[in-house]
Amino acid sequence: MNRDPTARFLRIRYVEAVPPPHLDGGPLQWLRANLFSGLGNSLLTVLAGALIVWIGYTLIDFAVLSAAPPDGDVGLCRARPEGACWPFIAAKLDQFLYGRYPVDERWRVNLAGLLFLGAIGLMMLAPRSEKRITLVMVGLGYPFLATGLLAGGLFGLAPVETALWGGLSLTLLITLFGMLASMPLGIVLALGRRSSWPLIKALSVIFIELWRGVPLVTVLFMGSVMLPLFLPENVTIDKLLRALIAVALFSSAYMAEVVRGGLQSIPKGQYEAARALGLGRIHTLAYVVLPQALTNVIPAIVNTFTALLKETTLVLIIGLFDFLGMIQFALTDAAWAAPTTAITGYFFAALVFWCLCFSLSRYAASIERRLGRSRPGR
C-alpha cells in the first residue's frame, strides 16, 4: 500500500472526486442507470409511462378533442356526450366569479382584485430594508379598503349584503382573511406555548389542542347555528363575519404548531449570541429568532395556506356560496342538463384550485430564493 501522504491526497482529490460514469455519460446513460437498470425497473418504467400517456390523452380528449367549444349551446353538449361542456362554463362564468353580487357593482370586486395584485407586487418590489414596513401597511390597510369596496357604505358606495357575495371572489376573500389573521395569532400562540409562565403556556396549549381537535365543519356549524342561540335577541352577527372568525381561529391553531417547529429549529447559540450583544428578550425574538424561524418553515406555512384555500369550500354547509358552491348551484339549472355538465363543472373547479395552489407554492419558492434558503432539489 502506498503510504505517501502526497499520493494519498492526489488519489482522494482527483481520483475519488471523479463523478460516477452514469452521472457523466449524457441523457441516455442517465436513463439506463435510473429508469432501465434492470428487468423490474424497466417494467415499472414502461407501465408508469403508459399510465401517464393514457391519463394525459384521456384528459386532452375530454377537454379539447371531444369537447363542445365555449361559443356553443346546450344542444352541442348533448350531441357530444364524451367531451366537456364548455358552453356551460362560459354561460355561468360571471356567476362563478361574483356569485349573486349585483351586476352594476361588480367593478368593485374587480378593483379589489387589482388592488390585491398591486399589493403583492409592492411587497415583491419593495427594498429589503422596507419589506417589513410594507408588509405591515399592506396587511393592515388592504383588508379595510377591500371591505369598504365590497360591502359599501363608504366612499359613497351603495351597501351590498354579504348574503349576495359568492363565487371565486368569496373564496379568495375567506382565504386571504384567514392568512392575514392566522399568521400573527399563530406566532403569539407559539410563543405562548413556549412561555415560562405556566398560566400563559396552559392557555395556549388548551386553545391550540381544542381547535386542532375538532374538524372545520364542526367549527363552522357551531359559529353559524349554535352561536346565535347564546346571544341576546337584539344582538346579531353577520354570517360571513362568523365564518371568517371561525376560519381564522381554526387556522391559527395549526399555524401555531408550524411556527413552534420553526422556533425549535433555532440553535441555542443564537439566543446566547443575542444575549452577548446585549439584546433583550423582545429584541432577540424580533430581530434574531423569529426571522430565522419563519424562514425555516416557509414550506410548512405554504402548506397550511394551501390547505386553508381548499377548506374554504366547507362554508357551503352554512349557506355561503363560494366558488365550488356556485358551481353546484349552477348544476341545478335544468336548462343545462347534459351528460357531462356536472363533470365539466367539477373539472373546471379542480383546474382553478390547482392553478391557485401552484401559484402560491411558486411565490413561496421565490421568497425562499430571495432569502437564500432554497436548497437543490426543492
Protein backbone atom coordinates (compact mmCIF):
# COMPACT_ATOMS: atom_id res chain seq x y z
CA MET A 1 0.00 0.00 0.00
CA ASN A 2 1.27 3.43 -0.91
CA ARG A 3 1.63 5.40 2.33
CA ASP A 4 2.97 8.57 0.73
CA PRO A 5 0.75 11.41 2.03
CA THR A 6 1.07 13.34 -1.23
CA ALA A 7 -0.03 10.37 -3.32
CA ARG A 8 -2.91 9.69 -0.97
CA PHE A 9 -4.06 13.32 -1.22
CA LEU A 10 -3.90 13.25 -5.02
CA ARG A 11 -5.88 9.99 -5.09
CA ILE A 12 -8.62 11.44 -2.88
CA ARG A 13 -8.66 14.82 -4.62
CA TYR A 14 -8.51 13.79 -8.25
CA VAL A 15 -9.45 10.11 -8.43
CA GLU A 16 -12.22 9.68 -5.91
CA ALA A 17 -13.73 13.08 -6.80
CA VAL A 18 -14.40 11.95 -10.39
CA PRO A 19 -18.17 11.53 -10.77
CA PRO A 20 -19.55 8.07 -11.47
CA PRO A 21 -19.99 7.17 -15.15
CA HIS A 22 -23.78 7.27 -15.02
CA LEU A 23 -23.66 10.94 -13.95
CA ASP A 24 -21.29 11.99 -16.74
CA GLY A 25 -22.50 9.99 -19.73
CA GLY A 26 -25.33 12.13 -21.09
CA PRO A 27 -29.09 11.63 -21.05
CA LEU A 28 -29.04 8.09 -22.46
CA GLN A 29 -26.65 6.91 -19.79
CA TRP A 30 -28.77 8.58 -17.10
CA LEU A 31 -31.92 6.89 -18.40
CA ARG A 32 -30.21 3.50 -18.44
CA ALA A 33 -28.88 3.93 -14.90
CA ASN A 34 -32.06 5.30 -13.32
CA LEU A 35 -35.03 4.00 -15.32
CA PHE A 36 -33.84 0.84 -17.08
CA SER A 37 -31.20 -0.54 -14.72
CA GLY A 38 -32.87 -3.95 -14.50
CA LEU A 39 -35.84 -6.00 -15.64
CA GLY A 40 -38.10 -4.95 -12.77
CA ASN A 41 -37.15 -1.31 -13.03
CA SER A 42 -37.70 -1.36 -16.80
CA LEU A 43 -41.16 -2.90 -16.43
CA LEU A 44 -42.18 -0.29 -13.84
CA THR A 45 -40.90 2.49 -16.10
CA VAL A 46 -42.88 1.20 -19.09
CA LEU A 47 -46.06 0.73 -17.05
CA ALA A 48 -45.78 4.17 -15.44
CA GLY A 49 -45.11 5.78 -18.81
CA ALA A 50 -48.11 4.03 -20.37
CA LEU A 51 -50.33 5.13 -17.48
CA ILE A 52 -49.18 8.74 -17.82
CA VAL A 53 -49.78 8.71 -21.58
CA TRP A 54 -53.25 7.18 -21.12
CA ILE A 55 -54.28 9.71 -18.45
CA GLY A 56 -52.89 12.59 -20.49
CA TYR A 57 -54.67 11.52 -23.67
CA THR A 58 -57.94 10.96 -21.78
CA LEU A 59 -57.81 14.47 -20.31
CA ILE A 60 -56.90 16.07 -23.64
CA ASP A 61 -59.65 14.17 -25.41
CA PHE A 62 -62.21 15.19 -22.77
CA ALA A 63 -61.15 18.84 -22.50
CA VAL A 64 -60.21 19.58 -26.13
CA LEU A 65 -60.76 16.96 -28.83
CA SER A 66 -64.30 15.80 -27.96
CA ALA A 67 -65.38 18.93 -26.08
CA ALA A 68 -68.05 21.39 -27.12
CA PRO A 69 -66.50 24.83 -27.81
CA PRO A 70 -67.33 27.68 -25.41
CA ASP A 71 -69.37 29.53 -28.04
CA GLY A 72 -71.74 26.58 -28.47
CA ASP A 73 -75.00 25.77 -26.72
CA VAL A 74 -76.51 23.02 -24.61
CA GLY A 75 -77.59 21.14 -27.74
CA LEU A 76 -73.97 20.77 -28.78
CA CYS A 77 -73.12 19.47 -25.30
CA ARG A 78 -75.80 16.82 -25.61
CA ALA A 79 -74.52 15.86 -29.04
CA ARG A 80 -71.02 15.29 -27.64
CA PRO A 81 -71.58 13.12 -24.55
CA GLU A 82 -67.90 12.20 -24.24
CA GLY A 83 -66.45 15.72 -24.12
CA ALA A 84 -66.53 18.70 -21.80
CA CYS A 85 -69.45 21.09 -21.91
CA TRP A 86 -67.53 24.36 -22.08
CA PRO A 87 -70.62 26.39 -23.12
CA PHE A 88 -71.93 25.77 -19.60
CA ILE A 89 -68.77 27.30 -18.10
CA ALA A 90 -68.92 30.27 -20.48
CA ALA A 91 -72.59 30.95 -19.72
CA LYS A 92 -72.15 30.73 -15.95
CA LEU A 93 -68.66 32.25 -15.64
CA ASP A 94 -69.84 35.55 -14.16
CA GLN A 95 -71.85 33.63 -11.59
CA PHE A 96 -68.80 31.51 -10.70
CA LEU A 97 -66.66 34.61 -10.22
CA TYR A 98 -69.04 37.00 -8.45
CA GLY A 99 -71.86 34.89 -7.07
CA ARG A 100 -75.05 36.92 -6.77
CA TYR A 101 -73.24 40.23 -6.42
CA PRO A 102 -75.17 42.99 -8.26
CA VAL A 103 -74.10 43.21 -11.89
CA ASP A 104 -73.78 47.01 -11.87
CA GLU A 105 -71.48 46.89 -8.82
CA ARG A 106 -69.11 44.12 -9.91
CA TRP A 107 -66.49 46.67 -10.86
CA ARG A 108 -65.86 46.98 -7.13
CA VAL A 109 -64.89 43.31 -6.94
CA ASN A 110 -62.58 43.77 -9.91
CA LEU A 111 -60.99 46.82 -8.31
CA ALA A 112 -60.43 44.94 -5.05
CA GLY A 113 -58.73 42.16 -7.02
CA LEU A 114 -56.49 44.61 -8.86
CA LEU A 115 -55.53 46.26 -5.58
CA PHE A 116 -54.63 42.84 -4.20
CA LEU A 117 -52.35 42.13 -7.17
CA GLY A 118 -50.83 45.58 -6.74
CA ALA A 119 -50.21 44.88 -3.05
CA ILE A 120 -48.39 41.65 -3.90
CA GLY A 121 -46.29 43.45 -6.49
CA LEU A 122 -45.48 46.18 -3.99
CA MET A 123 -44.29 43.63 -1.45
CA MET A 124 -42.15 41.87 -4.05
CA LEU A 125 -40.55 45.05 -5.41
CA ALA A 126 -40.04 46.82 -2.09
CA PRO A 127 -36.39 47.09 -0.93
CA ARG A 128 -35.37 44.57 1.68
CA SER A 129 -34.94 47.29 4.29
CA GLU A 130 -38.55 48.39 3.78
CA LYS A 131 -40.24 45.00 3.32
CA ARG A 132 -41.29 44.76 6.95
CA ILE A 133 -42.98 48.17 6.91
CA THR A 134 -44.57 47.42 3.53
CA LEU A 135 -45.91 44.10 4.80
CA VAL A 136 -47.46 45.73 7.86
CA MET A 137 -49.04 48.52 5.81
CA VAL A 138 -50.49 46.11 3.27
CA GLY A 139 -51.65 43.64 5.95
CA LEU A 140 -53.45 46.35 7.91
CA GLY A 141 -54.64 48.62 5.12
CA TYR A 142 -55.81 46.32 2.35
CA PRO A 143 -58.46 44.37 4.33
CA PHE A 144 -60.21 47.56 5.40
CA LEU A 145 -60.04 49.02 1.89
CA ALA A 146 -61.32 45.82 0.27
CA THR A 147 -64.13 45.51 2.83
CA GLY A 148 -65.18 49.10 2.16
CA LEU A 149 -65.30 48.42 -1.57
CA LEU A 150 -67.22 45.16 -1.34
CA ALA A 151 -69.65 45.97 1.48
CA GLY A 152 -70.23 49.59 0.52
CA GLY A 153 -71.38 52.28 2.90
CA LEU A 154 -68.06 54.08 2.41
CA PHE A 155 -66.86 56.41 -0.32
CA GLY A 156 -70.49 56.95 -1.32
CA LEU A 157 -70.90 53.32 -2.46
CA ALA A 158 -74.24 51.56 -2.19
CA PRO A 159 -74.33 48.85 0.51
CA VAL A 160 -74.30 45.23 -0.67
CA GLU A 161 -75.40 42.49 1.72
CA THR A 162 -72.87 39.75 2.40
CA ALA A 163 -75.57 37.19 1.54
CA LEU A 164 -75.08 38.25 -2.10
CA TRP A 165 -71.33 37.68 -2.03
CA GLY A 166 -70.15 34.44 -3.56
CA GLY A 167 -68.12 32.70 -6.18
CA LEU A 168 -64.37 32.79 -6.54
CA SER A 169 -64.23 36.27 -5.02
CA LEU A 170 -65.69 34.95 -1.76
CA THR A 171 -63.26 32.01 -1.75
CA LEU A 172 -60.29 34.35 -2.13
CA LEU A 173 -61.69 36.73 0.49
CA ILE A 174 -62.04 33.98 3.12
CA THR A 175 -58.60 32.61 2.27
CA LEU A 176 -56.92 36.00 2.43
CA PHE A 177 -58.56 36.88 5.74
CA GLY A 178 -57.56 33.51 7.17
CA MET A 179 -53.95 34.03 6.08
CA LEU A 180 -53.66 37.56 7.44
CA ALA A 181 -55.32 36.69 10.75
CA SER A 182 -53.78 33.27 11.40
CA MET A 183 -50.19 34.36 10.95
CA PRO A 184 -49.93 36.84 13.86
CA LEU A 185 -52.26 34.75 16.02
CA GLY A 186 -50.18 31.66 15.31
CA ILE A 187 -46.96 33.44 16.28
CA VAL A 188 -48.48 34.65 19.55
CA LEU A 189 -49.81 31.18 20.37
CA ALA A 190 -46.48 29.53 19.52
CA LEU A 191 -44.60 31.95 21.77
CA GLY A 192 -47.21 31.42 24.48
CA ARG A 193 -46.80 27.66 24.30
CA ARG A 194 -43.04 28.06 24.82
CA SER A 195 -43.52 30.62 27.59
CA SER A 196 -42.01 30.07 31.02
CA TRP A 197 -45.19 31.40 32.65
CA PRO A 198 -47.40 28.38 33.49
CA LEU A 199 -50.72 30.17 33.03
CA ILE A 200 -49.90 31.57 29.58
CA LYS A 201 -48.47 28.24 28.48
CA ALA A 202 -51.52 26.33 29.72
CA LEU A 203 -53.97 28.69 28.00
CA SER A 204 -52.03 28.48 24.74
CA VAL A 205 -51.90 24.68 24.85
CA ILE A 206 -55.63 24.45 25.61
CA PHE A 207 -56.51 26.80 22.76
CA ILE A 208 -54.30 25.01 20.22
CA GLU A 209 -55.36 21.49 21.14
CA LEU A 210 -59.03 22.46 21.34
CA TRP A 211 -59.17 23.94 17.84
CA ARG A 212 -56.95 21.25 16.35
CA GLY A 213 -59.08 18.53 17.89
CA VAL A 214 -62.27 19.37 16.00
CA PRO A 215 -62.91 19.44 12.23
CA LEU A 216 -63.57 22.73 10.47
CA VAL A 217 -67.08 21.57 9.61
CA THR A 218 -67.94 21.46 13.29
CA VAL A 219 -66.41 24.88 13.90
CA LEU A 220 -68.41 26.45 11.06
CA PHE A 221 -71.60 24.75 12.21
CA MET A 222 -71.14 25.98 15.77
CA GLY A 223 -70.40 29.52 14.61
CA SER A 224 -73.35 29.67 12.25
CA VAL A 225 -76.05 27.72 14.08
CA MET A 226 -75.18 27.40 17.75
CA LEU A 227 -73.57 30.76 18.48
CA PRO A 228 -76.73 32.84 17.77
CA LEU A 229 -78.59 30.76 20.35
CA PHE A 230 -76.32 32.10 23.11
CA LEU A 231 -76.58 35.75 22.04
CA PRO A 232 -79.25 38.23 23.21
CA GLU A 233 -82.24 38.60 20.94
CA ASN A 234 -81.25 42.08 19.80
CA VAL A 235 -77.65 41.11 19.00
CA THR A 236 -76.86 39.64 15.60
CA ILE A 237 -73.54 38.87 13.96
CA ASP A 238 -73.24 38.66 10.21
CA LYS A 239 -72.95 35.07 8.94
CA LEU A 240 -69.90 35.83 6.82
CA LEU A 241 -68.17 37.53 9.75
CA ARG A 242 -68.81 34.47 11.91
CA ALA A 243 -67.33 32.24 9.21
CA LEU A 244 -64.26 34.48 8.88
CA ILE A 245 -63.63 34.42 12.62
CA ALA A 246 -64.08 30.64 12.78
CA VAL A 247 -61.67 30.06 9.88
CA ALA A 248 -59.09 32.45 11.37
CA LEU A 249 -59.15 30.80 14.79
CA PHE A 250 -59.06 27.31 13.32
CA SER A 251 -56.15 28.11 11.02
CA SER A 252 -54.21 29.95 13.74
CA ALA A 253 -54.04 26.77 15.83
CA TYR A 254 -52.32 24.90 13.01
CA MET A 255 -50.11 27.88 12.24
CA ALA A 256 -49.01 27.96 15.88
CA GLU A 257 -47.62 24.44 15.61
CA VAL A 258 -45.81 25.33 12.39
CA VAL A 259 -44.20 28.37 14.00
CA ARG A 260 -43.33 26.34 17.10
CA GLY A 261 -41.47 23.89 14.88
CA GLY A 262 -39.51 26.79 13.41
CA LEU A 263 -38.65 28.11 16.86
CA GLN A 264 -37.35 24.69 17.92
CA SER A 265 -35.07 24.61 14.87
CA ILE A 266 -33.10 27.63 16.07
CA PRO A 267 -29.87 26.58 17.81
CA LYS A 268 -29.32 27.62 21.40
CA GLY A 269 -26.23 29.52 20.30
CA GLN A 270 -28.41 32.10 18.55
CA TYR A 271 -30.01 33.04 21.86
CA GLU A 272 -26.63 33.15 23.59
CA ALA A 273 -25.14 35.32 20.84
CA ALA A 274 -28.07 37.74 21.11
CA ARG A 275 -27.64 37.99 24.87
CA ALA A 276 -23.91 38.55 24.37
CA LEU A 277 -24.73 41.51 22.15
CA GLY A 278 -26.90 42.98 24.89
CA LEU A 279 -30.28 42.30 23.25
CA GLY A 280 -33.29 41.82 25.48
CA ARG A 281 -35.84 39.06 25.13
CA ILE A 282 -38.20 41.02 22.87
CA HIS A 283 -35.42 42.26 20.59
CA THR A 284 -33.95 38.76 20.43
CA LEU A 285 -37.27 37.35 19.25
CA ALA A 286 -37.96 40.18 16.82
CA TYR A 287 -34.54 40.53 15.19
CA VAL A 288 -32.81 37.16 15.66
CA VAL A 289 -35.12 34.25 16.38
CA LEU A 290 -38.40 34.89 14.56
CA PRO A 291 -36.89 35.89 11.17
CA GLN A 292 -34.86 32.68 11.09
CA ALA A 293 -37.70 30.52 12.43
CA LEU A 294 -40.26 31.79 9.92
CA THR A 295 -37.78 31.43 7.06
CA ASN A 296 -37.07 27.83 8.01
CA VAL A 297 -40.75 26.86 7.95
CA ILE A 298 -41.82 28.66 4.76
CA PRO A 299 -42.77 25.33 3.10
CA ALA A 300 -44.91 24.35 6.10
CA ILE A 301 -46.56 27.79 6.14
CA VAL A 302 -47.40 27.49 2.45
CA ASN A 303 -48.79 24.01 3.07
CA THR A 304 -51.08 25.42 5.78
CA PHE A 305 -52.23 28.24 3.50
CA THR A 306 -52.87 25.78 0.67
CA ALA A 307 -54.99 23.60 2.94
CA LEU A 308 -56.88 26.71 4.06
CA LEU A 309 -57.61 27.66 0.45
CA LYS A 310 -59.14 24.25 -0.25
CA GLU A 311 -61.04 24.06 3.03
CA THR A 312 -62.96 27.24 2.23
CA THR A 313 -65.31 25.05 0.21
CA LEU A 314 -66.81 23.88 3.52
CA VAL A 315 -68.58 27.23 4.02
CA LEU A 316 -71.30 25.88 1.75
CA ILE A 317 -72.78 23.98 4.70
CA ILE A 318 -73.65 27.27 6.42
CA GLY A 319 -75.26 28.83 3.36
CA LEU A 320 -72.32 30.72 1.86
CA PHE A 321 -71.91 30.02 -1.85
CA ASP A 322 -68.22 30.08 -2.56
CA PHE A 323 -66.66 29.06 -5.87
CA LEU A 324 -67.49 25.38 -5.61
CA GLY A 325 -70.85 26.18 -4.07
CA MET A 326 -71.81 28.37 -7.03
CA ILE A 327 -70.80 25.59 -9.42
CA GLN A 328 -73.04 23.14 -7.56
CA PHE A 329 -75.84 25.71 -7.55
CA ALA A 330 -75.48 26.23 -11.31
CA LEU A 331 -75.72 22.49 -11.90
CA THR A 332 -79.32 22.59 -10.66
CA ASP A 333 -80.30 24.59 -13.77
CA ALA A 334 -82.40 22.15 -15.80
CA ALA A 335 -81.76 24.13 -18.98
CA TRP A 336 -78.15 22.93 -18.95
CA ALA A 337 -78.88 19.25 -18.35
CA ALA A 338 -76.31 17.29 -20.37
CA PRO A 339 -74.29 14.09 -19.84
CA THR A 340 -71.04 15.88 -18.95
CA THR A 341 -72.25 19.15 -17.43
CA ALA A 342 -71.52 18.11 -13.86
CA ILE A 343 -68.15 16.57 -14.76
CA THR A 344 -67.17 19.74 -16.61
CA GLY A 345 -68.11 21.92 -13.65
CA TYR A 346 -66.04 19.91 -11.19
CA PHE A 347 -63.18 19.63 -13.68
CA PHE A 348 -63.17 23.42 -14.04
CA ALA A 349 -63.19 23.81 -10.25
CA ALA A 350 -60.25 21.41 -9.87
CA LEU A 351 -58.31 23.27 -12.57
CA VAL A 352 -58.87 26.66 -10.90
CA PHE A 353 -57.89 25.37 -7.45
CA TRP A 354 -54.78 23.72 -8.88
CA CYS A 355 -53.72 26.96 -10.57
CA LEU A 356 -54.21 28.90 -7.32
CA CYS A 357 -52.32 26.38 -5.19
CA PHE A 358 -49.50 26.08 -7.72
CA SER A 359 -49.15 29.86 -7.96
CA LEU A 360 -49.00 30.07 -4.17
CA SER A 361 -46.25 27.45 -4.00
CA ARG A 362 -44.22 29.17 -6.73
CA TYR A 363 -44.50 32.51 -4.96
CA ALA A 364 -43.27 30.91 -1.76
CA ALA A 365 -40.37 29.32 -3.66
CA SER A 366 -39.38 32.74 -4.99
CA ILE A 367 -39.38 34.09 -1.43
CA GLU A 368 -37.10 31.24 -0.36
CA ARG A 369 -34.68 32.01 -3.19
CA ARG A 370 -34.58 35.68 -2.31
CA LEU A 371 -33.90 34.83 1.31
CA GLY A 372 -31.10 32.49 0.31
CA ARG A 373 -32.73 29.50 1.97
CA SER A 374 -33.58 27.38 -1.05
CA ARG A 375 -31.90 24.01 -1.39
CA PRO A 376 -31.12 22.00 -4.52
CA GLY A 377 -33.97 19.73 -5.47
CA ARG A 378 -36.76 21.83 -3.95
